[in-house]
Structure formats: structure tokens, C-alpha cells
C-alpha atoms as a PDB file:
ATOM      1  CA  MET A   1       3.693  61.508-241.286  1.00  0.00           C
ATOM      2  CA  LYS A   2       3.891  64.117-238.551  1.00  0.00           C
ATOM      3  CA  ALA A   3       7.123  64.317-236.578  1.00  0.00           C
ATOM      4  CA  ILE A   4       9.058  66.645-234.301  1.00  0.00           C
ATOM      5  CA  LEU A   5      11.828  68.319-236.295  1.00  0.00           C
ATOM      6  CA  VAL A   6      14.866  70.378-235.276  1.00  0.00           C
ATOM      7  CA  LYS A   7      14.952  73.567-237.364  1.00  0.00           C
ATOM      8  CA  LYS A   8      18.621  74.103-236.567  1.00  0.00           C
ATOM      9  CA  PRO A   9      20.879  73.061-233.671  1.00  0.00           C
ATOM     10  CA  GLY A  10      20.064  75.084-230.595  1.00  0.00           C
ATOM     11  CA  GLY A  11      17.593  75.504-227.768  1.00  0.00           C
ATOM     12  CA  PRO A  12      14.136  74.018-227.226  1.00  0.00           C
ATOM     13  CA  GLU A  13      12.612  76.763-229.369  1.00  0.00           C
ATOM     14  CA  GLU A  14      14.138  75.024-232.423  1.00  0.00           C
ATOM     15  CA  LEU A  15      11.733  72.090-232.060  1.00  0.00           C
ATOM     16  CA  ILE A  16       8.680  72.158-234.336  1.00  0.00           C
ATOM     17  CA  LEU A  17       5.925  69.775-235.348  1.00  0.00           C
ATOM     18  CA  GLY A  18       6.304  69.146-239.065  1.00  0.00           C
ATOM     19  CA  GLU A  19       6.183  66.515-241.811  1.00  0.00           C
ATOM     20  CA  TYR A  20       8.695  63.727-242.398  1.00  0.00           C
ATOM     21  CA  GLU A  21       8.821  60.657-244.608  1.00  0.00           C
ATOM     22  CA  GLN A  22       7.204  57.598-243.008  1.00  0.00           C
ATOM     23  CA  PRO A  23       9.736  54.776-242.432  1.00  0.00           C
ATOM     24  CA  LEU A  24       9.412  51.434-244.213  1.00  0.00           C
ATOM     25  CA  PRO A  25       9.839  48.242-242.184  1.00  0.00           C
ATOM     26  CA  GLY A  26      12.372  45.628-243.251  1.00  0.00           C
ATOM     27  CA  PRO A  27      11.721  41.881-243.075  1.00  0.00           C
ATOM     28  CA  TYR A  28      12.591  41.715-239.359  1.00  0.00           C
ATOM     29  CA  ASP A  29      11.011  45.047-238.394  1.00  0.00           C
ATOM     30  CA  LEU A  30       7.719  46.166-236.909  1.00  0.00           C
ATOM     31  CA  LEU A  31       6.052  49.386-238.061  1.00  0.00           C
ATOM     32  CA  ILE A  32       4.586  51.004-234.952  1.00  0.00           C
ATOM     33  CA  LYS A  33       1.843  53.611-234.619  1.00  0.00           C
ATOM     34  CA  VAL A  34       3.449  55.570-231.815  1.00  0.00           C
ATOM     35  CA  HIS A  35       1.201  56.499-228.892  1.00  0.00           C
ATOM     36  CA  ALA A  36       3.902  57.746-226.532  1.00  0.00           C
ATOM     37  CA  THR A  37       7.612  58.463-226.407  1.00  0.00           C
ATOM     38  CA  ALA A  38       9.847  59.780-223.629  1.00  0.00           C
ATOM     39  CA  LEU A  39      12.608  62.321-223.167  1.00  0.00           C
ATOM     40  CA  ASN A  40      16.255  61.476-222.572  1.00  0.00           C
ATOM     41  CA  ARG A  41      19.336  63.631-222.053  1.00  0.00           C
ATOM     42  CA  ALA A  42      20.537  62.343-225.408  1.00  0.00           C
ATOM     43  CA  ASP A  43      17.575  64.097-227.040  1.00  0.00           C
ATOM     44  CA  THR A  44      18.568  67.479-225.618  1.00  0.00           C
ATOM     45  CA  LEU A  45      22.192  66.961-226.695  1.00  0.00           C
ATOM     46  CA  GLN A  46      21.174  65.873-230.197  1.00  0.00           C
ATOM     47  CA  ARG A  47      18.911  68.906-230.451  1.00  0.00           C
ATOM     48  CA  GLN A  48      21.948  71.076-229.703  1.00  0.00           C
ATOM     49  CA  GLY A  49      24.013  69.327-232.373  1.00  0.00           C
ATOM     50  CA  LYS A  50      26.292  67.676-229.789  1.00  0.00           C
ATOM     51  CA  TYR A  51      25.190  64.028-230.125  1.00  0.00           C
ATOM     52  CA  PRO A  52      24.676  62.824-233.701  1.00  0.00           C
ATOM     53  CA  PRO A  53      22.652  59.618-234.169  1.00  0.00           C
ATOM     54  CA  PRO A  54      24.514  56.385-234.950  1.00  0.00           C
ATOM     55  CA  LYS A  55      25.136  55.501-238.586  1.00  0.00           C
ATOM     56  CA  GLY A  56      21.955  54.252-240.219  1.00  0.00           C
ATOM     57  CA  ALA A  57      19.640  55.500-237.454  1.00  0.00           C
ATOM     58  CA  SER A  58      16.752  57.883-237.998  1.00  0.00           C
ATOM     59  CA  PRO A  59      17.845  61.517-237.615  1.00  0.00           C
ATOM     60  CA  LEU A  60      14.655  62.217-235.667  1.00  0.00           C
ATOM     61  CA  LEU A  61      14.820  62.518-231.890  1.00  0.00           C
ATOM     62  CA  GLY A  62      13.385  59.842-229.625  1.00  0.00           C
ATOM     63  CA  LEU A  63      14.989  56.686-228.235  1.00  0.00           C
ATOM     64  CA  GLU A  64      11.947  54.841-226.901  1.00  0.00           C
ATOM     65  CA  ILE A  65       8.347  54.284-227.854  1.00  0.00           C
ATOM     66  CA  ALA A  66       5.131  52.558-226.925  1.00  0.00           C
ATOM     67  CA  GLY A  67       2.464  51.922-229.495  1.00  0.00           C
ATOM     68  CA  GLU A  68       0.571  49.501-231.701  1.00  0.00           C
ATOM     69  CA  VAL A  69       1.904  47.276-234.470  1.00  0.00           C
ATOM     70  CA  VAL A  70       0.400  48.308-237.810  1.00  0.00           C
ATOM     71  CA  GLU A  71       2.629  46.166-240.021  1.00  0.00           C
ATOM     72  CA  ALA A  72       5.037  43.297-239.360  1.00  0.00           C
ATOM     73  CA  GLY A  73       7.922  42.362-241.662  1.00  0.00           C
ATOM     74  CA  ILE A  74       7.672  39.103-243.564  1.00  0.00           C
ATOM     75  CA  ASN A  75      10.159  37.371-241.242  1.00  0.00           C
ATOM     76  CA  CYS A  76       8.553  38.521-237.990  1.00  0.00           C
ATOM     77  CA  THR A  77       7.133  35.755-235.809  1.00  0.00           C
ATOM     78  CA  ARG A  78       6.726  37.228-232.296  1.00  0.00           C
ATOM     79  CA  PHE A  79       4.286  40.075-232.942  1.00  0.00           C
ATOM     80  CA  SER A  80       1.535  40.837-235.428  1.00  0.00           C
ATOM     81  CA  LYS A  81      -0.794  43.670-236.383  1.00  0.00           C
ATOM     82  CA  GLY A  82      -2.696  45.098-233.424  1.00  0.00           C
ATOM     83  CA  ASP A  83      -0.222  44.023-230.715  1.00  0.00           C
ATOM     84  CA  LYS A  84       0.787  46.658-228.173  1.00  0.00           C
ATOM     85  CA  VAL A  85       4.546  46.883-227.781  1.00  0.00           C
ATOM     86  CA  PHE A  86       7.268  49.122-226.387  1.00  0.00           C
ATOM     87  CA  GLY A  87      11.006  49.256-226.830  1.00  0.00           C
ATOM     88  CA  LEU A  88      14.298  51.026-227.407  1.00  0.00           C
ATOM     89  CA  LEU A  89      15.233  52.761-230.668  1.00  0.00           C
ATOM     90  CA  PRO A  90      18.453  54.298-232.045  1.00  0.00           C
ATOM     91  CA  GLY A  91      16.282  57.270-233.061  1.00  0.00           C
ATOM     92  CA  GLY A  92      12.951  58.207-234.589  1.00  0.00           C
ATOM     93  CA  GLY A  93      10.605  58.062-231.592  1.00  0.00           C
ATOM     94  CA  TYR A  94       9.279  61.631-231.859  1.00  0.00           C
ATOM     95  CA  ALA A  95       7.004  60.688-234.749  1.00  0.00           C
ATOM     96  CA  GLU A  96       3.599  59.260-235.663  1.00  0.00           C
ATOM     97  CA  TYR A  97       5.242  56.070-236.910  1.00  0.00           C
ATOM     98  CA  ALA A  98       8.509  54.340-236.079  1.00  0.00           C
ATOM     99  CA  ILE A  99      10.183  51.048-236.916  1.00  0.00           C
ATOM    100  CA  ILE A 100      11.736  48.703-234.386  1.00  0.00           C
ATOM    101  CA  ASP A 101      13.527  45.396-234.783  1.00  0.00           C
ATOM    102  CA  GLU A 102      11.073  42.727-233.604  1.00  0.00           C
ATOM    103  CA  ASN A 103      13.664  41.382-231.159  1.00  0.00           C
ATOM    104  CA  MET A 104      13.935  44.805-229.510  1.00  0.00           C
ATOM    105  CA  ALA A 105      10.175  45.002-228.900  1.00  0.00           C
ATOM    106  CA  MET A 106       8.473  43.951-225.670  1.00  0.00           C
ATOM    107  CA  PRO A 107       4.729  43.443-225.003  1.00  0.00           C
ATOM    108  CA  VAL A 108       3.048  46.202-223.016  1.00  0.00           C
ATOM    109  CA  PRO A 109       1.886  44.715-219.693  1.00  0.00           C
ATOM    110  CA  ASP A 110      -1.889  44.870-219.250  1.00  0.00           C
ATOM    111  CA  ASN A 111      -1.544  46.926-216.071  1.00  0.00           C
ATOM    112  CA  LEU A 112       0.480  49.713-217.732  1.00  0.00           C
ATOM    113  CA  SER A 113      -0.635  52.592-219.938  1.00  0.00           C
ATOM    114  CA  MET A 114       1.179  53.500-223.123  1.00  0.00           C
ATOM    115  CA  GLU A 115       2.698  56.505-221.352  1.00  0.00           C
ATOM    116  CA  GLU A 116       4.037  54.272-218.580  1.00  0.00           C
ATOM    117  CA  ALA A 117       5.402  51.714-221.034  1.00  0.00           C
ATOM    118  CA  ALA A 118       7.217  54.441-222.993  1.00  0.00           C
ATOM    119  CA  ALA A 119       9.009  55.417-219.769  1.00  0.00           C
ATOM    120  CA  ILE A 120      10.671  52.002-219.383  1.00  0.00           C
ATOM    121  CA  PRO A 121      13.117  51.068-222.170  1.00  0.00           C
ATOM    122  CA  GLU A 122      16.033  53.507-222.058  1.00  0.00           C
ATOM    123  CA  VAL A 123      16.279  53.932-218.296  1.00  0.00           C
ATOM    124  CA  PHE A 124      15.669  50.347-217.217  1.00  0.00           C
ATOM    125  CA  MET A 125      18.005  48.928-219.846  1.00  0.00           C
ATOM    126  CA  THR A 126      20.696  51.466-218.946  1.00  0.00           C
ATOM    127  CA  ALA A 127      20.275  50.752-215.237  1.00  0.00           C
ATOM    128  CA  TYR A 128      20.253  46.967-215.782  1.00  0.00           C
ATOM    129  CA  GLN A 129      23.412  47.172-217.875  1.00  0.00           C
ATOM    130  CA  ALA A 130      25.180  49.359-215.292  1.00  0.00           C
ATOM    131  CA  LEU A 131      24.204  47.388-212.186  1.00  0.00           C
ATOM    132  CA  PHE A 132      24.321  43.806-213.431  1.00  0.00           C
ATOM    133  CA  TRP A 133      26.330  43.491-216.647  1.00  0.00           C
ATOM    134  CA  LEU A 134      29.059  45.963-215.708  1.00  0.00           C
ATOM    135  CA  GLY A 135      28.729  46.397-211.945  1.00  0.00           C
ATOM    136  CA  ARG A 136      27.940  42.707-211.305  1.00  0.00           C
ATOM    137  CA  LEU A 137      25.869  43.705-208.266  1.00  0.00           C
ATOM    138  CA  GLN A 138      25.211  40.728-205.985  1.00  0.00           C
ATOM    139  CA  PRO A 139      22.532  40.268-203.295  1.00  0.00           C
ATOM    140  CA  GLY A 140      23.659  41.847-200.053  1.00  0.00           C
ATOM    141  CA  GLU A 141      26.200  44.165-201.678  1.00  0.00           C
ATOM    142  CA  ARG A 142      26.061  47.940-201.351  1.00  0.00           C
ATOM    143  CA  THR A 143      25.471  50.285-204.270  1.00  0.00           C
ATOM    144  CA  LEU A 144      25.695  54.069-204.479  1.00  0.00           C
ATOM    145  CA  ILE A 145      23.450  55.527-207.181  1.00  0.00           C
ATOM    146  CA  HIS A 146      24.035  59.148-208.087  1.00  0.00           C
ATOM    147  CA  ALA A 147      21.178  61.268-209.488  1.00  0.00           C
ATOM    148  CA  GLY A 148      18.789  58.897-207.746  1.00  0.00           C
ATOM    149  CA  ALA A 149      15.677  60.804-208.813  1.00  0.00           C
ATOM    150  CA  SER A 150      16.563  60.807-212.509  1.00  0.00           C
ATOM    151  CA  GLY A 151      15.000  58.358-214.920  1.00  0.00           C
ATOM    152  CA  VAL A 152      17.934  55.953-214.740  1.00  0.00           C
ATOM    153  CA  GLY A 153      18.276  56.571-211.023  1.00  0.00           C
ATOM    154  CA  THR A 154      14.671  55.663-210.213  1.00  0.00           C
ATOM    155  CA  ALA A 155      15.018  52.521-212.348  1.00  0.00           C
ATOM    156  CA  ALA A 156      18.326  51.555-210.726  1.00  0.00           C
ATOM    157  CA  ILE A 157      16.937  51.927-207.209  1.00  0.00           C
ATOM    158  CA  GLN A 158      14.104  49.523-207.984  1.00  0.00           C
ATOM    159  CA  LEU A 159      16.307  46.964-209.752  1.00  0.00           C
ATOM    160  CA  ALA A 160      18.801  47.051-206.875  1.00  0.00           C
ATOM    161  CA  ARG A 161      15.939  46.607-204.400  1.00  0.00           C
ATOM    162  CA  VAL A 162      14.775  43.460-206.208  1.00  0.00           C
ATOM    163  CA  GLN A 163      18.392  42.252-206.057  1.00  0.00           C
ATOM    164  CA  LYS A 164      18.269  42.793-202.256  1.00  0.00           C
ATOM    165  CA  ALA A 165      21.171  45.234-202.272  1.00  0.00           C
ATOM    166  CA  ASP A 166      21.849  47.936-199.691  1.00  0.00           C
ATOM    167  CA  ILE A 167      21.050  51.128-201.624  1.00  0.00           C
ATOM    168  CA  LEU A 168      22.549  54.592-201.115  1.00  0.00           C
ATOM    169  CA  VAL A 169      21.589  57.505-203.356  1.00  0.00           C
ATOM    170  CA  THR A 170      22.466  61.133-203.889  1.00  0.00           C
ATOM    171  CA  ALA A 171      19.916  63.685-205.076  1.00  0.00           C
ATOM    172  CA  SER A 172      18.649  67.191-204.418  1.00  0.00           C
ATOM    173  CA  GLU A 173      17.152  67.495-200.954  1.00  0.00           C
ATOM    174  CA  TRP A 174      13.580  67.862-202.192  1.00  0.00           C
ATOM    175  CA  LYS A 175      13.918  64.658-204.242  1.00  0.00           C
ATOM    176  CA  LEU A 176      15.251  62.437-201.448  1.00  0.00           C
ATOM    177  CA  HIS A 177      11.829  61.353-200.156  1.00  0.00           C
ATOM    178  CA  ALA A 178      10.906  59.960-203.584  1.00  0.00           C
ATOM    179  CA  CYS A 179      14.145  57.950-203.629  1.00  0.00           C
ATOM    180  CA  LYS A 180      13.396  56.498-200.210  1.00  0.00           C
ATOM    181  CA  GLU A 181       9.871  55.601-201.299  1.00  0.00           C
ATOM    182  CA  LEU A 182      11.336  53.610-204.199  1.00  0.00           C
ATOM    183  CA  GLY A 183      13.584  51.620-201.892  1.00  0.00           C
ATOM    184  CA  ALA A 184      16.734  53.614-201.068  1.00  0.00           C
ATOM    185  CA  HIS A 185      18.076  52.849-197.585  1.00  0.00           C
ATOM    186  CA  LYS A 186      20.345  55.884-197.252  1.00  0.00           C
ATOM    187  CA  THR A 187      19.650  59.196-198.988  1.00  0.00           C
ATOM    188  CA  ILE A 188      22.226  61.963-199.305  1.00  0.00           C
ATOM    189  CA  ASN A 189      21.694  65.601-200.235  1.00  0.00           C
ATOM    190  CA  TYR A 190      24.561  66.196-202.647  1.00  0.00           C
ATOM    191  CA  GLN A 191      23.986  69.969-202.460  1.00  0.00           C
ATOM    192  CA  ASP A 192      24.941  70.202-198.761  1.00  0.00           C
ATOM    193  CA  PRO A 193      28.174  72.251-198.816  1.00  0.00           C
ATOM    194  CA  GLU A 194      29.080  71.242-195.269  1.00  0.00           C
ATOM    195  CA  VAL A 195      29.035  67.456-195.745  1.00  0.00           C
ATOM    196  CA  PRO A 196      30.581  65.856-198.855  1.00  0.00           C
ATOM    197  CA  PHE A 197      28.721  62.735-199.992  1.00  0.00           C
ATOM    198  CA  GLU A 198      31.911  60.762-199.371  1.00  0.00           C
ATOM    199  CA  ASP A 199      31.619  61.471-195.635  1.00  0.00           C
ATOM    200  CA  GLU A 200      27.984  60.361-195.572  1.00  0.00           C
ATOM    201  CA  VAL A 201      28.751  57.138-197.440  1.00  0.00           C
ATOM    202  CA  LEU A 202      31.680  56.182-195.231  1.00  0.00           C
ATOM    203  CA  ALA A 203      29.788  57.011-192.040  1.00  0.00           C
ATOM    204  CA  TYR A 204      26.824  54.852-193.147  1.00  0.00           C
ATOM    205  CA  THR A 205      29.068  51.931-194.094  1.00  0.00           C
ATOM    206  CA  ASN A 206      31.374  52.139-191.040  1.00  0.00           C
ATOM    207  CA  ASN A 207      34.212  53.233-193.337  1.00  0.00           C
ATOM    208  CA  GLU A 208      33.891  50.048-195.425  1.00  0.00           C
ATOM    209  CA  GLY A 209      32.534  51.744-198.550  1.00  0.00           C
ATOM    210  CA  VAL A 210      30.272  50.397-201.292  1.00  0.00           C
ATOM    211  CA  ASP A 211      30.684  47.684-203.931  1.00  0.00           C
ATOM    212  CA  VAL A 212      29.148  49.379-206.987  1.00  0.00           C
ATOM    213  CA  ILE A 213      28.739  53.060-207.904  1.00  0.00           C
ATOM    214  CA  VAL A 214      26.590  54.253-210.807  1.00  0.00           C
ATOM    215  CA  ASP A 215      27.653  57.792-211.726  1.00  0.00           C
ATOM    216  CA  PHE A 216      26.573  60.441-214.233  1.00  0.00           C
ATOM    217  CA  ILE A 217      28.663  63.393-213.005  1.00  0.00           C
ATOM    218  CA  ALA A 218      32.211  62.123-213.731  1.00  0.00           C
ATOM    219  CA  GLY A 219      35.029  64.626-213.137  1.00  0.00           C
ATOM    220  CA  PRO A 220      33.895  66.474-209.989  1.00  0.00           C
ATOM    221  CA  TYR A 221      32.860  63.210-208.300  1.00  0.00           C
ATOM    222  CA  PHE A 222      35.770  61.004-209.350  1.00  0.00           C
ATOM    223  CA  ASN A 223      37.993  61.325-206.282  1.00  0.00           C
ATOM    224  CA  GLN A 224      35.080  60.968-203.866  1.00  0.00           C
ATOM    225  CA  ASN A 225      33.755  57.969-205.799  1.00  0.00           C
ATOM    226  CA  ILE A 226      37.119  56.207-205.591  1.00  0.00           C
ATOM    227  CA  ASN A 227      37.277  56.908-201.863  1.00  0.00           C
ATOM    228  CA  CYS A 228      33.758  55.498-201.423  1.00  0.00           C
ATOM    229  CA  LEU A 229      34.567  52.134-203.022  1.00  0.00           C
ATOM    230  CA  ARG A 230      35.551  49.168-200.917  1.00  0.00           C
ATOM    231  CA  THR A 231      38.161  46.616-202.006  1.00  0.00           C
ATOM    232  CA  ASP A 232      37.256  45.086-205.400  1.00  0.00           C
ATOM    233  CA  GLY A 233      34.678  47.840-205.938  1.00  0.00           C
ATOM    234  CA  ARG A 234      33.311  48.803-209.360  1.00  0.00           C
ATOM    235  CA  LEU A 235      32.674  52.333-210.643  1.00  0.00           C
ATOM    236  CA  VAL A 236      30.384  52.626-213.690  1.00  0.00           C
ATOM    237  CA  ILE A 237      30.367  56.054-215.360  1.00  0.00           C
ATOM    238  CA  LEU A 238      27.411  56.663-217.689  1.00  0.00           C
ATOM    239  CA  ALA A 239      27.739  60.393-218.410  1.00  0.00           C
ATOM    240  CA  SER A 240      29.913  63.411-217.673  1.00  0.00           C
ATOM    241  CA  LEU A 241      27.324  66.004-216.707  1.00  0.00           C
ATOM    242  CA  GLY A 242      29.776  67.720-214.354  1.00  0.00           C
ATOM    243  CA  GLY A 243      32.697  67.668-216.792  1.00  0.00           C
ATOM    244  CA  GLY A 244      35.212  65.128-218.001  1.00  0.00           C
ATOM    245  CA  LYS A 245      38.443  66.248-216.335  1.00  0.00           C
ATOM    246  CA  VAL A 246      40.021  65.346-212.990  1.00  0.00           C
ATOM    247  CA  GLU A 247      42.580  67.860-211.779  1.00  0.00           C
ATOM    248  CA  GLU A 248      44.597  65.510-209.599  1.00  0.00           C
ATOM    249  CA  PHE A 249      44.275  61.829-208.751  1.00  0.00           C
ATOM    250  CA  ASP A 250      46.489  59.191-207.156  1.00  0.00           C
ATOM    251  CA  LEU A 251      46.281  56.071-209.338  1.00  0.00           C
ATOM    252  CA  ARG A 252      47.667  53.959-206.523  1.00  0.00           C
ATOM    253  CA  LYS A 253      44.215  53.990-204.939  1.00  0.00           C
ATOM    254  CA  ILE A 254      42.950  51.849-207.826  1.00  0.00           C
ATOM    255  CA  LEU A 255      45.798  49.392-207.369  1.00  0.00           C
ATOM    256  CA  ILE A 256      45.602  49.154-203.592  1.00  0.00           C
ATOM    257  CA  LYS A 257      41.858  48.428-203.551  1.00  0.00           C
ATOM    258  CA  ARG A 258      41.847  46.458-206.842  1.00  0.00           C
ATOM    259  CA  LEU A 259      39.168  48.746-208.260  1.00  0.00           C
ATOM    260  CA  GLN A 260      37.506  48.618-211.674  1.00  0.00           C
ATOM    261  CA  VAL A 261      36.530  51.858-213.419  1.00  0.00           C
ATOM    262  CA  MET A 262      34.232  51.494-216.429  1.00  0.00           C
ATOM    263  CA  GLY A 263      32.481  53.813-218.842  1.00  0.00           C
ATOM    264  CA  SER A 264      29.544  52.896-221.010  1.00  0.00           C
ATOM    265  CA  THR A 265      26.956  54.205-223.420  1.00  0.00           C
ATOM    266  CA  LEU A 266      23.993  52.274-224.811  1.00  0.00           C
ATOM    267  CA  ARG A 267      22.930  54.004-228.017  1.00  0.00           C
ATOM    268  CA  SER A 268      26.183  53.266-229.842  1.00  0.00           C
ATOM    269  CA  ARG A 269      26.180  49.547-228.961  1.00  0.00           C
ATOM    270  CA  THR A 270      25.622  46.948-231.666  1.00  0.00           C
ATOM    271  CA  LYS A 271      22.124  45.708-232.355  1.00  0.00           C
ATOM    272  CA  ASP A 272      23.070  42.225-231.135  1.00  0.00           C
ATOM    273  CA  TYR A 273      24.230  43.704-227.816  1.00  0.00           C
ATOM    274  CA  GLN A 274      21.015  45.698-227.446  1.00  0.00           C
ATOM    275  CA  ILE A 275      18.846  42.693-228.311  1.00  0.00           C
ATOM    276  CA  LYS A 276      20.554  40.548-225.707  1.00  0.00           C
ATOM    277  CA  LEU A 277      20.226  43.335-223.126  1.00  0.00           C
ATOM    278  CA  THR A 278      16.540  43.818-223.988  1.00  0.00           C
ATOM    279  CA  GLN A 279      15.801  40.140-223.534  1.00  0.00           C
ATOM    280  CA  GLU A 280      17.719  39.778-220.269  1.00  0.00           C
ATOM    281  CA  MET A 281      16.246  42.933-218.754  1.00  0.00           C
ATOM    282  CA  SER A 282      12.758  41.863-219.847  1.00  0.00           C
ATOM    283  CA  ASN A 283      13.160  38.376-218.363  1.00  0.00           C
ATOM    284  CA  PHE A 284      14.369  39.868-215.085  1.00  0.00           C
ATOM    285  CA  ALA A 285      11.966  42.793-214.746  1.00  0.00           C
ATOM    286  CA  MET A 286       8.767  41.944-216.652  1.00  0.00           C
ATOM    287  CA  PRO A 287       7.235  39.789-213.888  1.00  0.00           C
ATOM    288  CA  HIS A 288       7.856  42.669-211.487  1.00  0.00           C
ATOM    289  CA  PHE A 289       6.228  45.194-213.838  1.00  0.00           C
ATOM    290  CA  GLN A 290       3.245  42.890-214.145  1.00  0.00           C
ATOM    291  CA  ASN A 291       2.749  42.499-210.399  1.00  0.00           C
ATOM    292  CA  GLY A 292       3.610  46.104-209.567  1.00  0.00           C
ATOM    293  CA  THR A 293       6.741  45.516-207.486  1.00  0.00           C
ATOM    294  CA  ILE A 294       8.656  47.564-210.083  1.00  0.00           C
ATOM    295  CA  LYS A 295       7.050  50.498-211.838  1.00  0.00           C
ATOM    296  CA  PRO A 296       8.063  53.136-214.361  1.00  0.00           C
ATOM    297  CA  VAL A 297       8.245  56.486-212.597  1.00  0.00           C
ATOM    298  CA  VAL A 298       6.481  59.091-214.741  1.00  0.00           C
ATOM    299  CA  ASP A 299       7.025  62.661-213.610  1.00  0.00           C
ATOM    300  CA  SER A 300       4.850  64.338-216.218  1.00  0.00           C
ATOM    301  CA  VAL A 301       3.130  63.795-219.552  1.00  0.00           C
ATOM    302  CA  TYR A 302       3.163  66.489-222.252  1.00  0.00           C
ATOM    303  CA  ASP A 303       1.321  66.596-225.542  1.00  0.00           C
ATOM    304  CA  TRP A 304       4.021  66.340-228.184  1.00  0.00           C
ATOM    305  CA  GLN A 305       3.052  69.764-229.512  1.00  0.00           C
ATOM    306  CA  ASP A 306       4.488  71.062-226.224  1.00  0.00           C
ATOM    307  CA  VAL A 307       7.832  69.316-226.771  1.00  0.00           C
ATOM    308  CA  ALA A 308       9.825  72.545-226.338  1.00  0.00           C
ATOM    309  CA  GLU A 309       8.317  73.077-222.906  1.00  0.00           C
ATOM    310  CA  ALA A 310       9.104  69.474-221.993  1.00  0.00           C
ATOM    311  CA  HIS A 311      12.749  69.918-223.017  1.00  0.00           C
ATOM    312  CA  ARG A 312      13.020  73.105-220.939  1.00  0.00           C
ATOM    313  CA  TYR A 313      11.562  71.270-217.969  1.00  0.00           C
ATOM    314  CA  MET A 314      14.170  68.496-218.271  1.00  0.00           C
ATOM    315  CA  GLU A 315      17.038  70.930-218.678  1.00  0.00           C
ATOM    316  CA  ASN A 316      15.975  72.718-215.501  1.00  0.00           C
ATOM    317  CA  ASN A 317      16.293  69.396-213.611  1.00  0.00           C
ATOM    318  CA  LYS A 318      12.763  69.648-212.254  1.00  0.00           C
ATOM    319  CA  ASN A 319      11.691  66.077-212.905  1.00  0.00           C
ATOM    320  CA  ILE A 320      11.594  63.015-210.680  1.00  0.00           C
ATOM    321  CA  GLY A 321      11.601  60.082-213.087  1.00  0.00           C
ATOM    322  CA  LYS A 322      10.593  60.274-216.731  1.00  0.00           C
ATOM    323  CA  ILE A 323       9.072  63.010-218.860  1.00  0.00           C
ATOM    324  CA  VAL A 324       6.739  61.508-221.465  1.00  0.00           C
ATOM    325  CA  LEU A 325       5.322  62.870-224.715  1.00  0.00           C
ATOM    326  CA  ARG A 326       1.850  61.758-225.734  1.00  0.00           C
ATOM    327  CA  VAL A 327       1.799  61.453-229.535  1.00  0.00           C
ATOM    328  CA  SER A 328      -1.557  62.418-231.020  1.00  0.00           C
END
């Protein structure tokens, strides 16, 4: 089959369209003819040799797909040949064919294209996990979502809106309008050197702070994040794009406000964990996808032959929402 290969660890120019062995489905697997896949930061890190796939996963890039079932394993009961499905993978999405555990697959809603469906799994499952499983966000609580215009950010805003939370986001100034359109109540330009986001958050909340923070920056934001949390607040760290070190921090702040600081990844979780998350997220969000109250935010769609250009675009932080590859 055709697949996107990494010639050697490095930049986007190392990505080529080549040939790779077609995967064989096990008894509980679906073999999917891939119509679309989507980019994630993990793909760019794996391309650079900095994020190896989990043991047993395909070495090919690609953590999510949408496509058509061409073969179902002998123990599969939920889907059959010809069904349109989408879902999360541990790897292997940048290819003509991919396999997915039947319990990780979800039906493509009739009102969504394959490109839109491919933009859902990684970001909505990550956002659902961060807000509800880890952050335990309740109706009426406040949440601060960093990188609000990213794929996970745009998903988190919409999930928090359905939960009737008060939503604050940080993003580049030119991306703030898109965040507000999705449901953010307070938008903050994190690039403003005169006003730290901490000041904006505390002013908006009358110095009370927020209940849940979803963060991707880590080190440079840690002190401000802690200061932004109210008593019994929860900080969920999903990445360390700004660096992993904090120069100085007073741990007594965590004790005084009874704070919880959590880190999480999704790709390295067990299959059972991912299946449970898939099913809970689907039960919560699928009716909203079907009636349009939640939607995948697709920034751009590239032909997969232009994968290098798509990776450059992501690494330049130009996108609002997801970057999708159309597999032809």
C-alpha cells in the first residue's frame, strides 16, 4: 500500500510518499480504507525522532483516521464492510489502509465529511479527558484553556460550553475572535507584554480565579497558572511546549489552596483506557455532532502528497483548529 514514510529523523522535507506493507486485521480489528487523517504535534515530534510510537504500534505517522471498513475481524459485531467510521490510533494513519480495534471506532455522522470526521478523535478525546476525567469540570465552574485556537483548544471550548462552564482562553490576538465564536466568554492575548494573562484572569473573576486550567506550555506558565487557580482548583498539563523547568516556585501555594496538579498523555495509555474514553466521549458528544451544536474545526485540508507543507504550516502555528490530510 502507499504510505507516508520518514526517510530519516528531521524536518518536513524527510517525509515522502512511498510503499509499506499493508496491515492485517486481528479478530477484533477493522481494516479501514483511509479517506482522511489529521496532523497532531505528536506527528511532528515523531518525525524528528523525539517521540517513538508505543510498543506494538505501527511505526507510521498518524493518530486518527476516517474511512470505510473493507474487512472486519471474525469477532467484530458492531461494524461490517462498507460502514463509514472514524477513530483514534496508536499510529499508522498516514496510509492507504489502517487497522483499528472495533471498540475504538465510531460511526461517521451523516452530516460530516470524512475530512471533518478525521479532525475529531485525538483532540476531542484529549479535551474530554482533560476537562472531565482529570479536571472534573462541573456546570457553572470556570475553566482557563490555553492555546484556545489549537485543535485541542477548539474542542475544549465547545465541550466546556456544552457543560455550561464559564470559559476563558489564551491565544494569539488574531485567533481570539475564532475562540469567542466557539463559545469563549473571556479571550486573552497571551502575547501582550504589558498585561500578563494572570492579571486578566484575576480581573475577570474578581480575584477569585478559575476551577480548571488546561495547559500545554508548562514551565513558563506554571507560576501564573497556580496564581490563577481558586481554592480546590485543578491544573491539567498536557504538553511542555514552552519547556519543562520552573526556576522558582513556592510549594505552599498548593497546600494553602488545596490544589491538584496533574499531567497526562493519551497515546501511551492502555487500550482499555482508550476504549472507555472513546465510548464516554462519543456518548457525550455524538448527539451534539449530529445536531451541529459541536463541530470539528478544520483549518485546512491538504492532499497527502503535500504532507511536508502541512507539517511546516503546523510548526509555524498558523492554524486555527485541525490540519487534515486527504488520502487519495
